Amino acid sequence: MWWFQQGLSFLPVALVVWSAASFVFSYITAIVLRHVDPLVPYISDTGTVPPERCLFGIMLNISAFLGLATIYVRYKQVQALSPEQPRILRLNRIGLALGWMSCFGLCIIANFQKCILYYIHVLGACLTFGVGAIYMLVQTVLSYLMQPELHSKGLFWIRLATLLWSSSSILSMFVSSVVLYSGLYGTNLVQKLHWDPQEKGYTAHIISTVSEWSLAFSFLSFFLSYIRDFQKISLRAAVSLHGHTLYHTPQSLGGDEQPLLVAGSI
């Protein structure tokens, strides 16, 4: 059995590979069609003009679904491993809510392009990266609280390093974007897809775009750290049948209830 076939490890693998592919394929399409500059455009700029906009949208929507599933499995894992620790369970519930909010933000980014509905797109980016960074912080704290009995110290340090990576990328992107869109370098920069290296603001633009790409891949790296944990997980669903047919309406749920267990990895 291959390593990605063990347990539910295919979930974070699929999330990381599919999300990276959505960035790369959209970038390649936009470059080939000369819709953006080859040197580090914004990720959102590579999904602004058709046909890459269609590819970008549908692939990120699938990434959001994979993110929802991965975050939920992580939540169930922590819940099962620490049933008697209220502080960990409370943080775990907070992490689930934050993770799902981040996935919702990814859907907003996918479906509301920067050049069309800028403020909604920025809202989606804040949910995805801002709330997502807080989700990473919660999971890092959980990894710390669960070591060394349930988590290795090495895994905690990996997640802490990735969290610091994403935090530095957020800070760099925020500062450079504030400088870039402060009005010192002209207006209507949101619609601008092509930059001349001789233009004012080009350096701030490059710092901002590099920081965005760095931030995106720091998130993907964080989810890669779930692979080892997910190799030890399998889920099973218990189905209760309230009657002998699909058209039978039982008078009493207790009398005709027949339990059916469906087990296996999902």
C-alpha atoms as a PDB file:
ATOM      1  CA  MET A   1       0.000   0.000   0.000  1.00  0.00           C
ATOM      2  CA  TRP A   2       1.351   3.410  -0.996  1.00  0.00           C
ATOM      3  CA  TRP A   3       1.752   6.067   1.708  1.00  0.00           C
ATOM      4  CA  PHE A   4      -1.082   8.216   0.305  1.00  0.00           C
ATOM      5  CA  GLN A   5      -3.433   5.206   0.423  1.00  0.00           C
ATOM      6  CA  GLN A   6      -3.065   4.781   4.175  1.00  0.00           C
ATOM      7  CA  GLY A   7      -6.078   5.953   6.165  1.00  0.00           C
ATOM      8  CA  LEU A   8      -7.391   9.307   4.999  1.00  0.00           C
ATOM      9  CA  SER A   9      -4.025  10.776   4.026  1.00  0.00           C
ATOM     10  CA  PHE A  10      -5.311  11.239   0.473  1.00  0.00           C
ATOM     11  CA  LEU A  11      -7.470  14.163   1.696  1.00  0.00           C
ATOM     12  CA  PRO A  12      -4.665  16.642   2.539  1.00  0.00           C
ATOM     13  CA  VAL A  13      -2.676  15.336  -0.438  1.00  0.00           C
ATOM     14  CA  ALA A  14      -5.602  16.009  -2.779  1.00  0.00           C
ATOM     15  CA  LEU A  15      -6.153  19.453  -1.227  1.00  0.00           C
ATOM     16  CA  VAL A  16      -2.527  20.515  -1.659  1.00  0.00           C
ATOM     17  CA  VAL A  17      -2.024  19.047  -5.152  1.00  0.00           C
ATOM     18  CA  TRP A  18      -5.343  20.337  -6.517  1.00  0.00           C
ATOM     19  CA  SER A  19      -4.918  23.837  -5.051  1.00  0.00           C
ATOM     20  CA  ALA A  20      -1.362  24.134  -6.364  1.00  0.00           C
ATOM     21  CA  ALA A  21      -2.570  22.940  -9.770  1.00  0.00           C
ATOM     22  CA  SER A  22      -5.318  25.580  -9.797  1.00  0.00           C
ATOM     23  CA  PHE A  23      -2.702  28.320  -9.315  1.00  0.00           C
ATOM     24  CA  VAL A  24      -0.231  26.879 -11.800  1.00  0.00           C
ATOM     25  CA  PHE A  25      -2.716  26.065 -14.594  1.00  0.00           C
ATOM     26  CA  SER A  26      -4.358  29.489 -14.370  1.00  0.00           C
ATOM     27  CA  TYR A  27      -0.939  31.158 -14.380  1.00  0.00           C
ATOM     28  CA  ILE A  28       0.233  29.200 -17.435  1.00  0.00           C
ATOM     29  CA  THR A  29      -2.996  29.944 -19.334  1.00  0.00           C
ATOM     30  CA  ALA A  30      -2.824  33.656 -18.524  1.00  0.00           C
ATOM     31  CA  ILE A  31       0.843  33.824 -19.576  1.00  0.00           C
ATOM     32  CA  VAL A  32       0.295  31.952 -22.844  1.00  0.00           C
ATOM     33  CA  LEU A  33      -2.588  34.274 -23.752  1.00  0.00           C
ATOM     34  CA  ARG A  34      -0.559  37.338 -22.643  1.00  0.00           C
ATOM     35  CA  HIS A  35      -3.210  38.450 -20.166  1.00  0.00           C
ATOM     36  CA  VAL A  36      -0.637  39.067 -17.397  1.00  0.00           C
ATOM     37  CA  ASP A  37       3.103  39.627 -17.101  1.00  0.00           C
ATOM     38  CA  PRO A  38       5.239  36.497 -16.654  1.00  0.00           C
ATOM     39  CA  LEU A  39       7.120  37.888 -13.631  1.00  0.00           C
ATOM     40  CA  VAL A  40       5.061  37.107 -10.522  1.00  0.00           C
ATOM     41  CA  PRO A  41       1.569  38.511 -11.140  1.00  0.00           C
ATOM     42  CA  TYR A  42      -1.036  38.474  -8.403  1.00  0.00           C
ATOM     43  CA  ILE A  43      -2.679  35.071  -8.088  1.00  0.00           C
ATOM     44  CA  SER A  44      -6.043  36.759  -8.559  1.00  0.00           C
ATOM     45  CA  ASP A  45      -4.832  38.452 -11.761  1.00  0.00           C
ATOM     46  CA  THR A  46      -4.282  35.010 -13.320  1.00  0.00           C
ATOM     47  CA  GLY A  47      -7.988  34.298 -12.791  1.00  0.00           C
ATOM     48  CA  THR A  48      -9.453  37.579 -14.001  1.00  0.00           C
ATOM     49  CA  VAL A  49      -9.844  37.234 -17.782  1.00  0.00           C
ATOM     50  CA  PRO A  50     -11.621  34.339 -19.584  1.00  0.00           C
ATOM     51  CA  PRO A  51     -10.848  31.528 -20.199  1.00  0.00           C
ATOM     52  CA  GLU A  52      -8.493  31.207 -17.206  1.00  0.00           C
ATOM     53  CA  ARG A  53     -11.138  32.858 -15.025  1.00  0.00           C
ATOM     54  CA  CYS A  54     -13.446  29.874 -15.588  1.00  0.00           C
ATOM     55  CA  LEU A  55     -10.659  27.395 -14.832  1.00  0.00           C
ATOM     56  CA  PHE A  56      -9.581  29.345 -11.751  1.00  0.00           C
ATOM     57  CA  GLY A  57     -13.121  29.525 -10.379  1.00  0.00           C
ATOM     58  CA  ILE A  58     -14.118  25.898 -10.740  1.00  0.00           C
ATOM     59  CA  MET A  59     -10.792  24.561  -9.456  1.00  0.00           C
ATOM     60  CA  LEU A  60     -10.811  26.794  -6.371  1.00  0.00           C
ATOM     61  CA  ASN A  61     -14.395  25.785  -5.593  1.00  0.00           C
ATOM     62  CA  ILE A  62     -13.257  22.155  -5.539  1.00  0.00           C
ATOM     63  CA  SER A  63     -10.310  23.171  -3.349  1.00  0.00           C
ATOM     64  CA  ALA A  64     -12.746  24.766  -0.900  1.00  0.00           C
ATOM     65  CA  PHE A  65     -14.720  21.508  -0.716  1.00  0.00           C
ATOM     66  CA  LEU A  66     -11.536  19.497  -0.111  1.00  0.00           C
ATOM     67  CA  GLY A  67     -10.585  22.017   2.562  1.00  0.00           C
ATOM     68  CA  LEU A  68     -13.930  21.590   4.310  1.00  0.00           C
ATOM     69  CA  ALA A  69     -13.494  17.814   4.365  1.00  0.00           C
ATOM     70  CA  THR A  70      -9.883  17.977   5.575  1.00  0.00           C
ATOM     71  CA  ILE A  71     -10.679  20.442   8.351  1.00  0.00           C
ATOM     72  CA  TYR A  72     -13.644  18.343   9.506  1.00  0.00           C
ATOM     73  CA  VAL A  73     -11.578  15.138   9.656  1.00  0.00           C
ATOM     74  CA  ARG A  74      -8.920  16.972  11.672  1.00  0.00           C
ATOM     75  CA  TYR A  75     -11.659  18.171  14.041  1.00  0.00           C
ATOM     76  CA  LYS A  76     -12.981  14.633  14.523  1.00  0.00           C
ATOM     77  CA  GLN A  77      -9.463  13.317  15.102  1.00  0.00           C
ATOM     78  CA  VAL A  78      -8.708  15.791  17.897  1.00  0.00           C
ATOM     79  CA  GLN A  79     -12.148  15.177  19.399  1.00  0.00           C
ATOM     80  CA  ALA A  80     -11.540  11.418  19.502  1.00  0.00           C
ATOM     81  CA  LEU A  81      -8.015  11.708  20.904  1.00  0.00           C
ATOM     82  CA  SER A  82      -8.855  14.156  23.710  1.00  0.00           C
ATOM     83  CA  PRO A  83     -12.414  13.384  24.895  1.00  0.00           C
ATOM     84  CA  GLU A  84     -11.729  14.347  28.523  1.00  0.00           C
ATOM     85  CA  GLN A  85      -9.913  17.653  28.031  1.00  0.00           C
ATOM     86  CA  PRO A  86     -12.350  20.614  27.873  1.00  0.00           C
ATOM     87  CA  ARG A  87      -9.710  23.187  26.883  1.00  0.00           C
ATOM     88  CA  ILE A  88      -8.588  21.153  23.881  1.00  0.00           C
ATOM     89  CA  LEU A  89     -12.184  20.412  22.847  1.00  0.00           C
ATOM     90  CA  ARG A  90     -13.073  24.114  23.063  1.00  0.00           C
ATOM     91  CA  LEU A  91     -10.104  25.101  20.915  1.00  0.00           C
ATOM     92  CA  ASN A  92     -10.986  22.301  18.518  1.00  0.00           C
ATOM     93  CA  ARG A  93     -14.501  23.671  17.989  1.00  0.00           C
ATOM     94  CA  ILE A  94     -13.098  27.163  17.450  1.00  0.00           C
ATOM     95  CA  GLY A  95     -10.659  25.753  14.914  1.00  0.00           C
ATOM     96  CA  LEU A  96     -13.461  24.032  13.003  1.00  0.00           C
ATOM     97  CA  ALA A  97     -15.436  27.283  12.733  1.00  0.00           C
ATOM     98  CA  LEU A  98     -12.373  29.277  11.669  1.00  0.00           C
ATOM     99  CA  GLY A  99     -11.345  26.663   9.102  1.00  0.00           C
ATOM    100  CA  TRP A 100     -14.758  26.572   7.500  1.00  0.00           C
ATOM    101  CA  MET A 101     -14.877  30.383   7.393  1.00  0.00           C
ATOM    102  CA  SER A 102     -11.547  30.329   5.571  1.00  0.00           C
ATOM    103  CA  CYS A 103     -12.931  27.837   3.029  1.00  0.00           C
ATOM    104  CA  PHE A 104     -15.961  30.083   2.495  1.00  0.00           C
ATOM    105  CA  GLY A 105     -13.573  32.949   1.803  1.00  0.00           C
ATOM    106  CA  LEU A 106     -11.870  30.799  -0.827  1.00  0.00           C
ATOM    107  CA  CYS A 107     -15.237  30.379  -2.569  1.00  0.00           C
ATOM    108  CA  ILE A 108     -15.653  34.164  -2.580  1.00  0.00           C
ATOM    109  CA  ILE A 109     -12.212  34.593  -4.155  1.00  0.00           C
ATOM    110  CA  ALA A 110     -13.068  32.005  -6.791  1.00  0.00           C
ATOM    111  CA  ASN A 111     -16.380  33.551  -7.807  1.00  0.00           C
ATOM    112  CA  PHE A 112     -15.859  37.314  -7.341  1.00  0.00           C
ATOM    113  CA  GLN A 113     -12.936  38.510  -9.445  1.00  0.00           C
ATOM    114  CA  LYS A 114     -10.693  41.352  -8.264  1.00  0.00           C
ATOM    115  CA  CYS A 115     -11.251  43.559 -11.308  1.00  0.00           C
ATOM    116  CA  ILE A 116     -15.048  43.196 -11.182  1.00  0.00           C
ATOM    117  CA  LEU A 117     -16.080  43.250  -7.511  1.00  0.00           C
ATOM    118  CA  TYR A 118     -12.922  44.357  -5.745  1.00  0.00           C
ATOM    119  CA  TYR A 119     -14.209  44.854  -2.200  1.00  0.00           C
ATOM    120  CA  ILE A 120     -16.021  41.530  -2.102  1.00  0.00           C
ATOM    121  CA  HIS A 121     -12.874  39.880  -3.445  1.00  0.00           C
ATOM    122  CA  VAL A 122     -10.828  41.546  -0.691  1.00  0.00           C
ATOM    123  CA  LEU A 123     -13.354  40.315   1.873  1.00  0.00           C
ATOM    124  CA  GLY A 124     -12.828  36.785   0.573  1.00  0.00           C
ATOM    125  CA  ALA A 125      -9.049  37.224   0.790  1.00  0.00           C
ATOM    126  CA  CYS A 126      -9.324  38.433   4.393  1.00  0.00           C
ATOM    127  CA  LEU A 127     -11.440  35.411   5.301  1.00  0.00           C
ATOM    128  CA  THR A 128      -9.158  32.988   3.471  1.00  0.00           C
ATOM    129  CA  PHE A 129      -5.794  34.261   4.632  1.00  0.00           C
ATOM    130  CA  GLY A 130      -6.599  36.273   7.760  1.00  0.00           C
ATOM    131  CA  VAL A 131      -9.017  33.827   9.375  1.00  0.00           C
ATOM    132  CA  GLY A 132      -7.003  30.956   7.893  1.00  0.00           C
ATOM    133  CA  ALA A 133      -3.882  32.184   9.710  1.00  0.00           C
ATOM    134  CA  ILE A 134      -5.820  32.175  12.988  1.00  0.00           C
ATOM    135  CA  TYR A 135      -6.921  28.603  12.182  1.00  0.00           C
ATOM    136  CA  MET A 136      -3.256  27.667  11.739  1.00  0.00           C
ATOM    137  CA  LEU A 137      -2.480  29.298  15.085  1.00  0.00           C
ATOM    138  CA  VAL A 138      -5.223  27.278  16.821  1.00  0.00           C
ATOM    139  CA  GLN A 139      -3.981  24.029  15.277  1.00  0.00           C
ATOM    140  CA  THR A 140      -0.407  24.854  16.300  1.00  0.00           C
ATOM    141  CA  VAL A 141      -1.544  25.466  19.877  1.00  0.00           C
ATOM    142  CA  LEU A 142      -3.446  22.167  19.822  1.00  0.00           C
ATOM    143  CA  SER A 143      -0.312  20.402  18.597  1.00  0.00           C
ATOM    144  CA  TYR A 144       1.580  21.936  21.502  1.00  0.00           C
ATOM    145  CA  LEU A 145      -1.035  20.908  24.071  1.00  0.00           C
ATOM    146  CA  MET A 146      -1.219  17.359  22.711  1.00  0.00           C
ATOM    147  CA  GLN A 147       2.529  16.681  22.781  1.00  0.00           C
ATOM    148  CA  PRO A 148       4.328  14.432  23.536  1.00  0.00           C
ATOM    149  CA  GLU A 149       1.638  11.798  24.189  1.00  0.00           C
ATOM    150  CA  LEU A 150      -0.444  12.384  21.050  1.00  0.00           C
ATOM    151  CA  HIS A 151       1.772  14.618  18.911  1.00  0.00           C
ATOM    152  CA  SER A 152       5.500  14.579  18.328  1.00  0.00           C
ATOM    153  CA  LYS A 153       7.546  17.643  19.183  1.00  0.00           C
ATOM    154  CA  GLY A 154       8.916  17.676  15.651  1.00  0.00           C
ATOM    155  CA  LEU A 155       5.428  18.084  14.164  1.00  0.00           C
ATOM    156  CA  PHE A 156       4.691  20.976  16.516  1.00  0.00           C
ATOM    157  CA  TRP A 157       7.880  22.779  15.445  1.00  0.00           C
ATOM    158  CA  ILE A 158       7.063  22.211  11.764  1.00  0.00           C
ATOM    159  CA  ARG A 159       3.621  23.762  12.216  1.00  0.00           C
ATOM    160  CA  LEU A 160       5.049  26.633  14.244  1.00  0.00           C
ATOM    161  CA  ALA A 161       7.625  27.366  11.527  1.00  0.00           C
ATOM    162  CA  THR A 162       4.913  27.302   8.850  1.00  0.00           C
ATOM    163  CA  LEU A 163       2.754  29.620  10.959  1.00  0.00           C
ATOM    164  CA  LEU A 164       5.639  32.094  11.266  1.00  0.00           C
ATOM    165  CA  TRP A 165       6.215  31.831   7.510  1.00  0.00           C
ATOM    166  CA  SER A 166       2.583  32.678   6.753  1.00  0.00           C
ATOM    167  CA  SER A 167       2.521  35.494   9.337  1.00  0.00           C
ATOM    168  CA  SER A 168       5.603  37.150   7.829  1.00  0.00           C
ATOM    169  CA  SER A 169       4.064  36.825   4.340  1.00  0.00           C
ATOM    170  CA  ILE A 170       0.819  38.433   5.543  1.00  0.00           C
ATOM    171  CA  LEU A 171       2.717  41.331   7.121  1.00  0.00           C
ATOM    172  CA  SER A 172       4.854  41.866   4.036  1.00  0.00           C
ATOM    173  CA  MET A 173       1.854  41.748   1.696  1.00  0.00           C
ATOM    174  CA  PHE A 174      -0.185  44.100   3.885  1.00  0.00           C
ATOM    175  CA  VAL A 175       2.548  46.741   4.170  1.00  0.00           C
ATOM    176  CA  SER A 176       3.488  46.658   0.477  1.00  0.00           C
ATOM    177  CA  SER A 177      -0.177  46.745  -0.602  1.00  0.00           C
ATOM    178  CA  VAL A 178      -0.917  49.742   1.632  1.00  0.00           C
ATOM    179  CA  VAL A 179       2.062  51.554   0.114  1.00  0.00           C
ATOM    180  CA  LEU A 180       1.089  50.537  -3.422  1.00  0.00           C
ATOM    181  CA  TYR A 181      -2.567  51.575  -3.181  1.00  0.00           C
ATOM    182  CA  SER A 182      -1.959  54.702  -1.088  1.00  0.00           C
ATOM    183  CA  GLY A 183      -2.361  56.924  -4.143  1.00  0.00           C
ATOM    184  CA  LEU A 184       1.328  57.752  -4.469  1.00  0.00           C
ATOM    185  CA  TYR A 185       1.638  55.663  -7.629  1.00  0.00           C
ATOM    186  CA  GLY A 186      -1.550  56.625  -9.425  1.00  0.00           C
ATOM    187  CA  THR A 187      -5.126  55.427  -9.340  1.00  0.00           C
ATOM    188  CA  ASN A 188      -7.045  52.510 -10.819  1.00  0.00           C
ATOM    189  CA  LEU A 189      -4.230  50.074 -10.018  1.00  0.00           C
ATOM    190  CA  VAL A 190      -6.792  47.364  -9.310  1.00  0.00           C
ATOM    191  CA  GLN A 191      -7.514  47.067 -13.034  1.00  0.00           C
ATOM    192  CA  LYS A 192      -3.833  47.069 -13.962  1.00  0.00           C
ATOM    193  CA  LEU A 193      -2.620  43.665 -15.265  1.00  0.00           C
ATOM    194  CA  HIS A 194       0.619  44.739 -16.986  1.00  0.00           C
ATOM    195  CA  TRP A 195       3.505  46.539 -15.308  1.00  0.00           C
ATOM    196  CA  ASP A 196       6.602  48.190 -16.726  1.00  0.00           C
ATOM    197  CA  PRO A 197       9.707  47.734 -14.537  1.00  0.00           C
ATOM    198  CA  GLN A 198      10.447  51.440 -15.027  1.00  0.00           C
ATOM    199  CA  GLU A 199       7.102  52.519 -13.533  1.00  0.00           C
ATOM    200  CA  LYS A 200       6.794  53.995 -10.076  1.00  0.00           C
ATOM    201  CA  GLY A 201       5.416  51.467  -7.639  1.00  0.00           C
ATOM    202  CA  TYR A 202       6.837  48.481  -9.497  1.00  0.00           C
ATOM    203  CA  THR A 203       9.007  47.448  -6.539  1.00  0.00           C
ATOM    204  CA  ALA A 204       6.074  47.601  -4.124  1.00  0.00           C
ATOM    205  CA  HIS A 205       3.993  45.634  -6.628  1.00  0.00           C
ATOM    206  CA  ILE A 206       6.602  42.856  -6.873  1.00  0.00           C
ATOM    207  CA  ILE A 207       6.976  42.656  -3.074  1.00  0.00           C
ATOM    208  CA  SER A 208       3.201  42.398  -2.741  1.00  0.00           C
ATOM    209  CA  THR A 209       2.814  39.692  -5.379  1.00  0.00           C
ATOM    210  CA  VAL A 210       5.761  37.620  -4.116  1.00  0.00           C
ATOM    211  CA  SER A 211       4.312  37.839  -0.605  1.00  0.00           C
ATOM    212  CA  GLU A 212       0.930  36.625  -1.868  1.00  0.00           C
ATOM    213  CA  TRP A 213       2.436  33.585  -3.590  1.00  0.00           C
ATOM    214  CA  SER A 214       4.541  32.874  -0.511  1.00  0.00           C
ATOM    215  CA  LEU A 215       1.449  33.104   1.684  1.00  0.00           C
ATOM    216  CA  ALA A 216      -0.534  30.726  -0.518  1.00  0.00           C
ATOM    217  CA  PHE A 217       2.186  28.084  -0.467  1.00  0.00           C
ATOM    218  CA  SER A 218       2.696  28.461   3.285  1.00  0.00           C
ATOM    219  CA  PHE A 219      -0.959  27.461   3.706  1.00  0.00           C
ATOM    220  CA  LEU A 220      -0.474  24.447   1.446  1.00  0.00           C
ATOM    221  CA  SER A 221       2.639  23.464   3.397  1.00  0.00           C
ATOM    222  CA  PHE A 222       0.677  23.582   6.642  1.00  0.00           C
ATOM    223  CA  PHE A 223      -1.890  21.124   5.312  1.00  0.00           C
ATOM    224  CA  LEU A 224       0.928  18.850   4.173  1.00  0.00           C
ATOM    225  CA  SER A 225       1.723  18.356   7.859  1.00  0.00           C
ATOM    226  CA  TYR A 226      -1.659  16.600   8.238  1.00  0.00           C
ATOM    227  CA  ILE A 227      -0.587  13.662   6.054  1.00  0.00           C
ATOM    228  CA  ARG A 228       1.164  11.735   8.819  1.00  0.00           C
ATOM    229  CA  ASP A 229      -1.792  12.198  11.185  1.00  0.00           C
ATOM    230  CA  PHE A 230      -4.375  11.226   8.596  1.00  0.00           C
ATOM    231  CA  GLN A 231      -2.607   7.953   7.814  1.00  0.00           C
ATOM    232  CA  LYS A 232      -3.912   6.681  11.148  1.00  0.00           C
ATOM    233  CA  ILE A 233      -7.551   7.663  10.611  1.00  0.00           C
ATOM    234  CA  SER A 234     -10.520   5.850   9.132  1.00  0.00           C
ATOM    235  CA  LEU A 235     -14.148   6.932   9.320  1.00  0.00           C
ATOM    236  CA  ARG A 236     -17.273   4.853   9.342  1.00  0.00           C
ATOM    237  CA  ALA A 237     -20.931   5.813   9.050  1.00  0.00           C
ATOM    238  CA  ALA A 238     -23.782   4.156  10.957  1.00  0.00           C
ATOM    239  CA  VAL A 239     -27.132   4.139   9.102  1.00  0.00           C
ATOM    240  CA  SER A 240     -30.447   3.486  10.867  1.00  0.00           C
ATOM    241  CA  LEU A 241     -33.358   2.198   8.729  1.00  0.00           C
ATOM    242  CA  HIS A 242     -36.796   3.258   9.945  1.00  0.00           C
ATOM    243  CA  GLY A 243     -38.808   0.681   7.992  1.00  0.00           C
ATOM    244  CA  HIS A 244     -38.457  -2.130   5.476  1.00  0.00           C
ATOM    245  CA  THR A 245     -38.928   0.037   2.348  1.00  0.00           C
ATOM    246  CA  LEU A 246     -38.284   3.609   1.289  1.00  0.00           C
ATOM    247  CA  TYR A 247     -42.032   4.251   1.156  1.00  0.00           C
ATOM    248  CA  HIS A 248     -42.919   2.865   4.588  1.00  0.00           C
ATOM    249  CA  THR A 249     -43.805   5.425   7.257  1.00  0.00           C
ATOM    250  CA  PRO A 250     -43.472   3.767  10.648  1.00  0.00           C
ATOM    251  CA  GLN A 251     -45.939   4.586  13.389  1.00  0.00           C
ATOM    252  CA  SER A 252     -43.272   4.152  16.010  1.00  0.00           C
ATOM    253  CA  LEU A 253     -39.622   4.759  15.272  1.00  0.00           C
ATOM    254  CA  GLY A 254     -38.575   2.288  17.928  1.00  0.00           C
ATOM    255  CA  GLY A 255     -40.468  -0.735  16.617  1.00  0.00           C
ATOM    256  CA  ASP A 256     -39.275  -0.901  13.016  1.00  0.00           C
ATOM    257  CA  GLU A 257     -35.793   0.485  13.444  1.00  0.00           C
ATOM    258  CA  GLN A 258     -33.133  -1.710  11.872  1.00  0.00           C
ATOM    259  CA  PRO A 259     -29.510  -0.660  12.314  1.00  0.00           C
ATOM    260  CA  LEU A 260     -27.210  -1.029   9.350  1.00  0.00           C
ATOM    261  CA  LEU A 261     -23.493  -0.360   9.743  1.00  0.00           C
ATOM    262  CA  VAL A 262     -21.462   0.797   6.796  1.00  0.00           C
ATOM    263  CA  ALA A 263     -17.802   0.800   7.682  1.00  0.00           C
ATOM    264  CA  GLY A 264     -14.596   1.699   5.900  1.00  0.00           C
ATOM    265  CA  SER A 265     -12.359   4.567   4.948  1.00  0.00           C
ATOM    266  CA  ILE A 266     -13.980   7.570   3.350  1.00  0.00           C
END
